[in-house]
């Protein structure tokens, strides 16, 4: 099954086009408030759109315009399995009853819904917990039950809203393994703010900013050459923006970043450099960007990240650490590639 949608919610500033190929996973990433949850809620029928449309395998689910929303398929019959951020398990129902809630709402026979629930529990590694109540579950178990509930609805599209948020490292890893086992079986849309989720689970990543998709592609490509500040921050690289002059990237303050590029001189361009690929040198050194230290952050294990107004570099924790306000230079280990914005 494939998903094609144009989600518009004017009151929330959302106007996003989404497409997920059959069996593929799309990671929808963006800062808090960018509209990720709104997109999923509209697709699932939990929030009304003010424009746009949605279709699964070419079959229209809804279309909206200035005259209102025309719903061709009721929310409960859209075959959208959603796992909200909080799981939304019903506390007064058993685990099995929670999972069976969706198929029973479609008047599926009780024996069949029970079988669906038990099969879904087995798929998420929680067989034997059918009689438990949500309050007795750990955070990781509750998230698995929420995923099992979505699977029991036999979805054409699986919608996961920050599925690993608020979980400890071990529980998150366990739930991530469950989700990874589902990829390739059903079109999946994951809303997340973690690069790891996109790199490990997604075939495509779409960056959402202020309600709009501003860049999209394979995760490795987007994070290697981020075109937006958020994507650069997510990838853990420093984004330098300026104009390519044929030899270097000329930054807004006139500084020169030596780089390579096939772009025509005068083209607005960006270069992305990981702090681990940047050396900290004395201010005024040849080929370095002169800067001022604004703070020192933890870096990768055994290192510190020196943050300037323009760039960042990682140094061993045992090295001399410059103080805030000190003049330094940032020099790339090798010239980065400048690419068009």
Protein backbone atom coordinates (compact mmCIF):
# COMPACT_ATOMS: atom_id res chain seq x y z
CA UNK A 1 0.00 0.00 0.00
CA UNK A 2 1.17 3.53 -0.77
CA UNK A 3 0.21 6.82 0.84
CA UNK A 4 -0.11 10.17 -0.92
CA UNK A 5 -1.35 13.15 1.04
CA UNK A 6 -1.42 16.92 1.16
CA UNK A 7 -2.23 17.92 4.73
CA UNK A 8 -3.41 21.48 5.33
CA UNK A 9 -4.45 22.80 8.75
CA UNK A 10 -4.51 26.57 8.41
CA UNK A 11 -4.95 27.29 12.12
CA UNK A 12 -1.72 25.42 12.90
CA UNK A 13 0.25 26.67 9.90
CA UNK A 14 0.57 23.19 8.39
CA UNK A 15 0.74 22.73 4.61
CA UNK A 16 2.70 19.53 4.00
CA UNK A 17 2.83 17.08 1.10
CA UNK A 18 3.64 13.50 2.12
CA UNK A 19 4.26 10.40 0.03
CA UNK A 20 5.20 6.91 1.24
CA UNK A 21 5.87 4.11 -1.24
CA UNK A 22 4.53 0.58 -0.65
CA UNK A 23 6.46 -1.13 2.14
CA UNK A 24 8.70 1.89 2.72
CA UNK A 25 9.26 3.98 5.85
CA UNK A 26 9.31 7.77 5.81
CA UNK A 27 10.79 9.60 8.80
CA UNK A 28 9.15 12.99 9.31
CA UNK A 29 11.63 15.08 11.28
CA UNK A 30 11.50 18.63 12.52
CA UNK A 31 11.72 20.82 15.61
CA UNK A 32 9.00 20.92 18.25
CA UNK A 33 5.97 22.73 16.89
CA UNK A 34 6.85 22.09 13.25
CA UNK A 35 3.60 20.16 12.68
CA UNK A 36 4.73 16.51 12.77
CA UNK A 37 2.00 15.33 15.15
CA UNK A 38 -0.64 17.36 13.31
CA UNK A 39 0.15 15.57 10.04
CA UNK A 40 -0.29 12.17 11.70
CA UNK A 41 -3.47 13.21 13.54
CA UNK A 42 -5.09 14.41 10.32
CA UNK A 43 -4.18 11.23 8.46
CA UNK A 44 -5.64 9.14 11.29
CA UNK A 45 -8.83 11.21 11.40
CA UNK A 46 -8.19 12.68 14.86
CA UNK A 47 -7.91 16.28 13.61
CA UNK A 48 -9.90 17.90 10.81
CA UNK A 49 -7.97 19.39 7.89
CA UNK A 50 -8.86 22.68 6.25
CA UNK A 51 -7.47 21.67 2.87
CA UNK A 52 -5.70 18.95 0.96
CA UNK A 53 -6.41 15.28 0.48
CA UNK A 54 -5.22 11.78 1.36
CA UNK A 55 -5.24 8.58 -0.67
CA UNK A 56 -4.05 5.02 -0.08
CA UNK A 57 -3.15 3.12 -3.24
CA UNK A 58 -5.06 5.75 -5.21
CA UNK A 59 -8.24 5.35 -3.15
CA UNK A 60 -9.21 8.74 -1.75
CA UNK A 61 -9.77 8.86 1.99
CA UNK A 62 -10.72 12.52 2.24
CA UNK A 63 -10.48 15.85 0.45
CA UNK A 64 -10.95 19.31 1.92
CA UNK A 65 -11.23 22.81 0.49
CA UNK A 66 -12.77 26.18 1.36
CA UNK A 67 -16.22 24.57 1.37
CA UNK A 68 -15.25 22.11 4.10
CA UNK A 69 -14.18 18.48 4.47
CA UNK A 70 -15.55 15.73 2.29
CA UNK A 71 -14.90 12.45 4.06
CA UNK A 72 -15.17 9.45 1.75
CA UNK A 73 -13.90 6.96 4.34
CA UNK A 74 -14.71 7.18 8.06
CA UNK A 75 -11.72 7.44 10.39
CA UNK A 76 -12.29 3.97 11.85
CA UNK A 77 -12.27 2.46 8.35
CA UNK A 78 -9.19 4.22 6.98
CA UNK A 79 -6.83 1.40 7.99
CA UNK A 80 -4.48 3.89 9.59
CA UNK A 81 -2.82 2.35 12.63
CA UNK A 82 -1.58 5.17 14.87
CA UNK A 83 0.67 5.03 17.92
CA UNK A 84 0.39 8.44 19.63
CA UNK A 85 3.15 9.88 21.81
CA UNK A 86 1.46 8.91 25.07
CA UNK A 87 0.27 5.52 23.81
CA UNK A 88 -3.31 6.46 24.80
CA UNK A 89 -4.04 3.06 26.37
CA UNK A 90 -7.42 2.85 28.10
CA UNK A 91 -6.63 2.27 31.79
CA UNK A 92 -9.85 0.41 32.62
CA UNK A 93 -9.32 -2.23 29.94
CA UNK A 94 -6.97 -5.20 29.92
CA UNK A 95 -4.04 -5.34 27.50
CA UNK A 96 -5.99 -7.70 25.25
CA UNK A 97 -9.08 -5.49 25.31
CA UNK A 98 -6.99 -2.44 24.46
CA UNK A 99 -5.48 -4.18 21.47
CA UNK A 100 -8.84 -5.57 20.33
CA UNK A 101 -10.56 -2.16 20.62
CA UNK A 102 -10.08 -1.15 16.97
CA UNK A 103 -11.22 -4.37 15.26
CA UNK A 104 -14.19 -4.61 17.63
CA UNK A 105 -15.21 -1.05 16.70
CA UNK A 106 -15.47 -2.36 13.13
CA UNK A 107 -17.82 -5.13 14.37
CA UNK A 108 -15.24 -7.88 13.89
CA UNK A 109 -16.43 -11.11 15.63
CA UNK A 110 -15.12 -11.45 19.19
CA UNK A 111 -13.24 -14.70 18.54
CA UNK A 112 -11.45 -13.10 15.61
CA UNK A 113 -10.55 -9.95 17.54
CA UNK A 114 -9.12 -12.06 20.37
CA UNK A 115 -6.96 -13.96 17.88
CA UNK A 116 -5.80 -10.69 16.30
CA UNK A 117 -4.89 -9.28 19.72
CA UNK A 118 -2.92 -12.34 20.78
CA UNK A 119 -1.08 -12.49 17.46
CA UNK A 120 -0.18 -8.79 17.72
CA UNK A 121 1.08 -9.28 21.29
CA UNK A 122 3.27 -12.15 20.11
CA UNK A 123 4.69 -9.96 17.32
CA UNK A 124 5.83 -7.36 19.86
CA UNK A 125 7.23 -9.95 22.27
CA UNK A 126 4.60 -9.65 25.01
CA UNK A 127 2.69 -12.93 24.76
CA UNK A 128 1.20 -13.85 28.13
CA UNK A 129 0.36 -10.30 29.25
CA UNK A 130 -3.19 -10.32 27.86
CA UNK A 131 -4.88 -9.95 31.26
CA UNK A 132 -2.63 -7.17 32.61
CA UNK A 133 -3.83 -3.58 33.00
CA UNK A 134 -1.85 -0.65 31.53
CA UNK A 135 -0.94 0.66 35.00
CA UNK A 136 1.07 -2.51 35.70
CA UNK A 137 3.23 -2.17 32.56
CA UNK A 138 6.65 -0.58 32.25
CA UNK A 139 7.06 2.30 29.83
CA UNK A 140 8.60 0.07 27.19
CA UNK A 141 5.88 -2.56 27.58
CA UNK A 142 3.15 0.07 27.29
CA UNK A 143 4.66 1.39 24.07
CA UNK A 144 4.82 -2.15 22.69
CA UNK A 145 1.14 -2.66 23.55
CA UNK A 146 0.29 0.57 21.72
CA UNK A 147 2.15 -0.76 18.66
CA UNK A 148 0.36 -4.10 18.99
CA UNK A 149 -2.99 -2.27 19.09
CA UNK A 150 -2.08 -0.48 15.84
CA UNK A 151 -1.05 -3.78 14.22
CA UNK A 152 -4.30 -5.49 15.29
CA UNK A 153 -6.21 -2.97 13.17
CA UNK A 154 -4.46 -4.55 10.14
CA UNK A 155 -3.34 -1.14 8.90
CA UNK A 156 -2.53 -0.18 5.34
CA UNK A 157 -0.38 2.59 6.81
CA UNK A 158 1.32 2.64 10.22
CA UNK A 159 1.69 6.06 11.90
CA UNK A 160 4.21 6.33 14.75
CA UNK A 161 4.40 9.61 16.68
CA UNK A 162 7.72 9.85 18.59
CA UNK A 163 7.55 6.11 19.38
CA UNK A 164 10.79 6.11 21.42
CA UNK A 165 10.26 9.33 23.37
CA UNK A 166 10.22 9.23 27.19
CA UNK A 167 11.73 5.73 27.23
CA UNK A 168 15.02 4.82 28.88
CA UNK A 169 17.87 3.69 26.64
CA UNK A 170 17.21 -0.04 27.04
CA UNK A 171 13.45 0.26 26.49
CA UNK A 172 13.93 2.54 23.47
CA UNK A 173 16.34 0.06 21.91
CA UNK A 174 13.85 -2.76 22.46
CA UNK A 175 10.96 -0.83 20.90
CA UNK A 176 13.21 0.28 18.02
CA UNK A 177 13.95 -3.40 17.29
CA UNK A 178 10.19 -4.07 17.15
CA UNK A 179 9.63 -1.21 14.71
CA UNK A 180 12.60 -2.29 12.59
CA UNK A 181 11.01 -5.73 12.25
CA UNK A 182 7.89 -4.14 10.79
CA UNK A 183 9.61 -2.12 8.09
CA UNK A 184 9.10 -3.46 4.60
CA UNK A 185 5.74 -5.00 5.50
CA UNK A 186 3.58 -1.88 5.59
CA UNK A 187 3.92 1.76 4.55
CA UNK A 188 5.10 3.52 7.70
CA UNK A 189 5.35 7.17 8.71
CA UNK A 190 7.47 7.93 11.79
CA UNK A 191 7.46 11.40 13.37
CA UNK A 192 10.70 11.89 15.25
CA UNK A 193 13.37 14.43 16.18
CA UNK A 194 16.19 11.86 16.36
CA UNK A 195 18.63 11.32 13.49
CA UNK A 196 19.22 7.76 14.74
CA UNK A 197 15.59 6.82 14.08
CA UNK A 198 15.77 8.09 10.51
CA UNK A 199 19.14 6.47 9.75
CA UNK A 200 18.24 3.08 11.22
CA UNK A 201 14.59 2.77 10.23
CA UNK A 202 13.71 5.00 7.28
CA UNK A 203 14.05 4.69 3.51
CA UNK A 204 13.30 8.40 3.13
CA UNK A 205 13.44 11.39 5.47
CA UNK A 206 11.38 14.58 5.11
CA UNK A 207 12.36 17.68 7.09
CA UNK A 208 9.35 19.66 8.29
CA UNK A 209 9.82 23.32 9.20
CA UNK A 210 6.97 25.68 10.10
CA UNK A 211 4.46 23.19 8.77
CA UNK A 212 6.11 22.63 5.37
CA UNK A 213 8.43 19.96 3.98
CA UNK A 214 11.63 21.88 3.18
CA UNK A 215 13.90 19.01 2.13
CA UNK A 216 13.51 15.31 1.47
CA UNK A 217 15.65 12.39 0.35
CA UNK A 218 17.52 9.33 1.56
CA UNK A 219 18.61 9.82 5.19
CA UNK A 220 22.31 9.48 4.37
CA UNK A 221 22.03 12.12 1.64
CA UNK A 222 20.01 14.61 3.69
CA UNK A 223 22.34 14.37 6.67
CA UNK A 224 25.50 14.45 4.54
CA UNK A 225 24.40 17.62 2.74
CA UNK A 226 21.79 19.30 4.96
CA UNK A 227 20.10 22.30 3.38
CA UNK A 228 18.38 23.58 6.50
CA UNK A 229 19.76 24.51 9.94
CA UNK A 230 17.57 21.89 11.64
CA UNK A 231 18.79 19.06 9.41
CA UNK A 232 22.38 20.15 10.09
CA UNK A 233 21.78 20.17 13.85
CA UNK A 234 20.11 16.76 13.62
CA UNK A 235 23.11 15.40 11.71
CA UNK A 236 25.52 16.92 14.25
CA UNK A 237 27.37 19.04 11.71
CA UNK A 238 28.09 22.75 11.43
CA UNK A 239 26.49 24.42 8.43
CA UNK A 240 28.45 27.21 6.74
CA UNK A 241 26.45 29.30 4.28
CA UNK A 242 27.83 31.82 1.82
CA UNK A 243 28.72 32.42 -1.83
CA UNK A 244 31.10 30.21 -3.81
CA UNK A 245 33.83 32.33 -5.43
CA UNK A 246 35.56 29.53 -7.31
CA UNK A 247 38.14 28.82 -4.58
CA UNK A 248 36.38 29.19 -1.27
CA UNK A 249 33.03 29.76 0.39
CA UNK A 250 32.70 33.44 1.26
CA UNK A 251 30.69 33.73 4.48
CA UNK A 252 28.41 36.63 5.36
CA UNK A 253 31.11 38.30 7.49
CA UNK A 254 33.68 38.05 4.68
CA UNK A 255 35.56 35.06 6.12
CA UNK A 256 36.78 32.44 3.65
CA UNK A 257 36.24 28.69 4.11
CA UNK A 258 38.49 26.72 1.76
CA UNK A 259 36.36 24.14 -0.03
CA UNK A 260 35.89 22.20 -3.25
CA UNK A 261 32.94 22.57 -5.61
CA UNK A 262 31.83 22.27 -9.22
CA UNK A 263 29.42 25.19 -8.77
CA UNK A 264 29.69 28.32 -10.86
CA UNK A 265 31.27 31.29 -9.07
CA UNK A 266 28.64 33.53 -7.54
CA UNK A 267 26.34 30.63 -6.56
CA UNK A 268 24.87 30.65 -3.07
CA UNK A 269 26.19 27.53 -1.39
CA UNK A 270 26.54 25.59 1.84
CA UNK A 271 29.27 23.40 3.30
CA UNK A 272 28.73 21.02 6.21
CA UNK A 273 31.61 20.05 8.51
CA UNK A 274 31.44 17.74 11.52
CA UNK A 275 33.19 19.16 14.63
CA UNK A 276 35.37 16.04 14.63
CA UNK A 277 36.69 17.11 11.21
CA UNK A 278 37.62 20.61 12.36
CA UNK A 279 40.89 21.53 14.11
CA UNK A 280 41.23 24.20 16.77
CA UNK A 281 44.17 26.47 15.94
CA UNK A 282 45.51 29.86 16.94
CA UNK A 283 43.61 32.87 15.66
CA UNK A 284 45.17 34.21 12.48
CA UNK A 285 46.45 30.85 11.28
CA UNK A 286 46.52 30.36 7.51
CA UNK A 287 43.35 28.72 6.16
CA UNK A 288 41.47 29.07 9.45
CA UNK A 289 38.23 30.86 10.29
CA UNK A 290 38.95 33.36 13.05
CA UNK A 291 36.27 33.12 15.73
CA UNK A 292 35.45 33.67 19.39
CA UNK A 293 34.59 30.89 21.86
CA UNK A 294 31.02 31.18 23.11
CA UNK A 295 30.82 27.94 25.13
CA UNK A 296 32.28 24.48 25.70
CA UNK A 297 30.01 21.43 25.41
CA UNK A 298 30.53 17.69 25.94
CA UNK A 299 31.62 16.02 22.70
CA UNK A 300 32.05 12.40 21.70
CA UNK A 301 33.52 10.14 24.42
CA UNK A 302 36.79 11.57 25.68
CA UNK A 303 36.40 14.91 23.94
CA UNK A 304 35.01 18.42 24.40
CA UNK A 305 33.26 20.51 21.77
CA UNK A 306 34.48 24.09 21.45
CA UNK A 307 31.64 26.24 20.12
CA UNK A 308 32.25 29.56 18.36
CA UNK A 309 29.98 32.07 16.66
CA UNK A 310 30.79 30.52 13.27
CA UNK A 311 31.92 26.96 13.87
CA UNK A 312 32.79 24.16 16.23
CA UNK A 313 35.66 21.75 16.81
CA UNK A 314 36.20 18.73 19.03
CA UNK A 315 39.38 18.49 21.09
CA UNK A 316 40.60 15.78 23.48
CA UNK A 317 39.36 16.33 27.02
CA UNK A 318 43.00 16.39 28.14
CA UNK A 319 43.88 19.27 25.77
CA UNK A 320 44.07 22.93 26.69
CA UNK A 321 40.52 24.26 26.68
CA UNK A 322 40.07 27.90 25.63
CA UNK A 323 37.86 30.10 27.76
CA UNK A 324 34.67 31.82 26.74
CA UNK A 325 35.47 35.00 24.82
CA UNK A 326 38.94 33.77 23.77
CA UNK A 327 39.97 34.24 20.13
CA UNK A 328 40.61 30.99 18.24
CA UNK A 329 40.73 29.65 14.70
CA UNK A 330 38.77 26.76 13.18
CA UNK A 331 40.50 24.90 10.34
CA UNK A 332 38.99 21.90 8.49
CA UNK A 333 41.13 18.76 8.30
CA UNK A 334 40.32 18.64 4.59
CA UNK A 335 38.40 21.07 2.37
CA UNK A 336 34.68 20.25 2.51
CA UNK A 337 32.46 20.15 -0.57
CA UNK A 338 30.31 23.24 -1.11
CA UNK A 339 26.87 22.49 -2.58
CA UNK A 340 23.94 24.61 -3.69
CA UNK A 341 21.31 25.62 -1.14
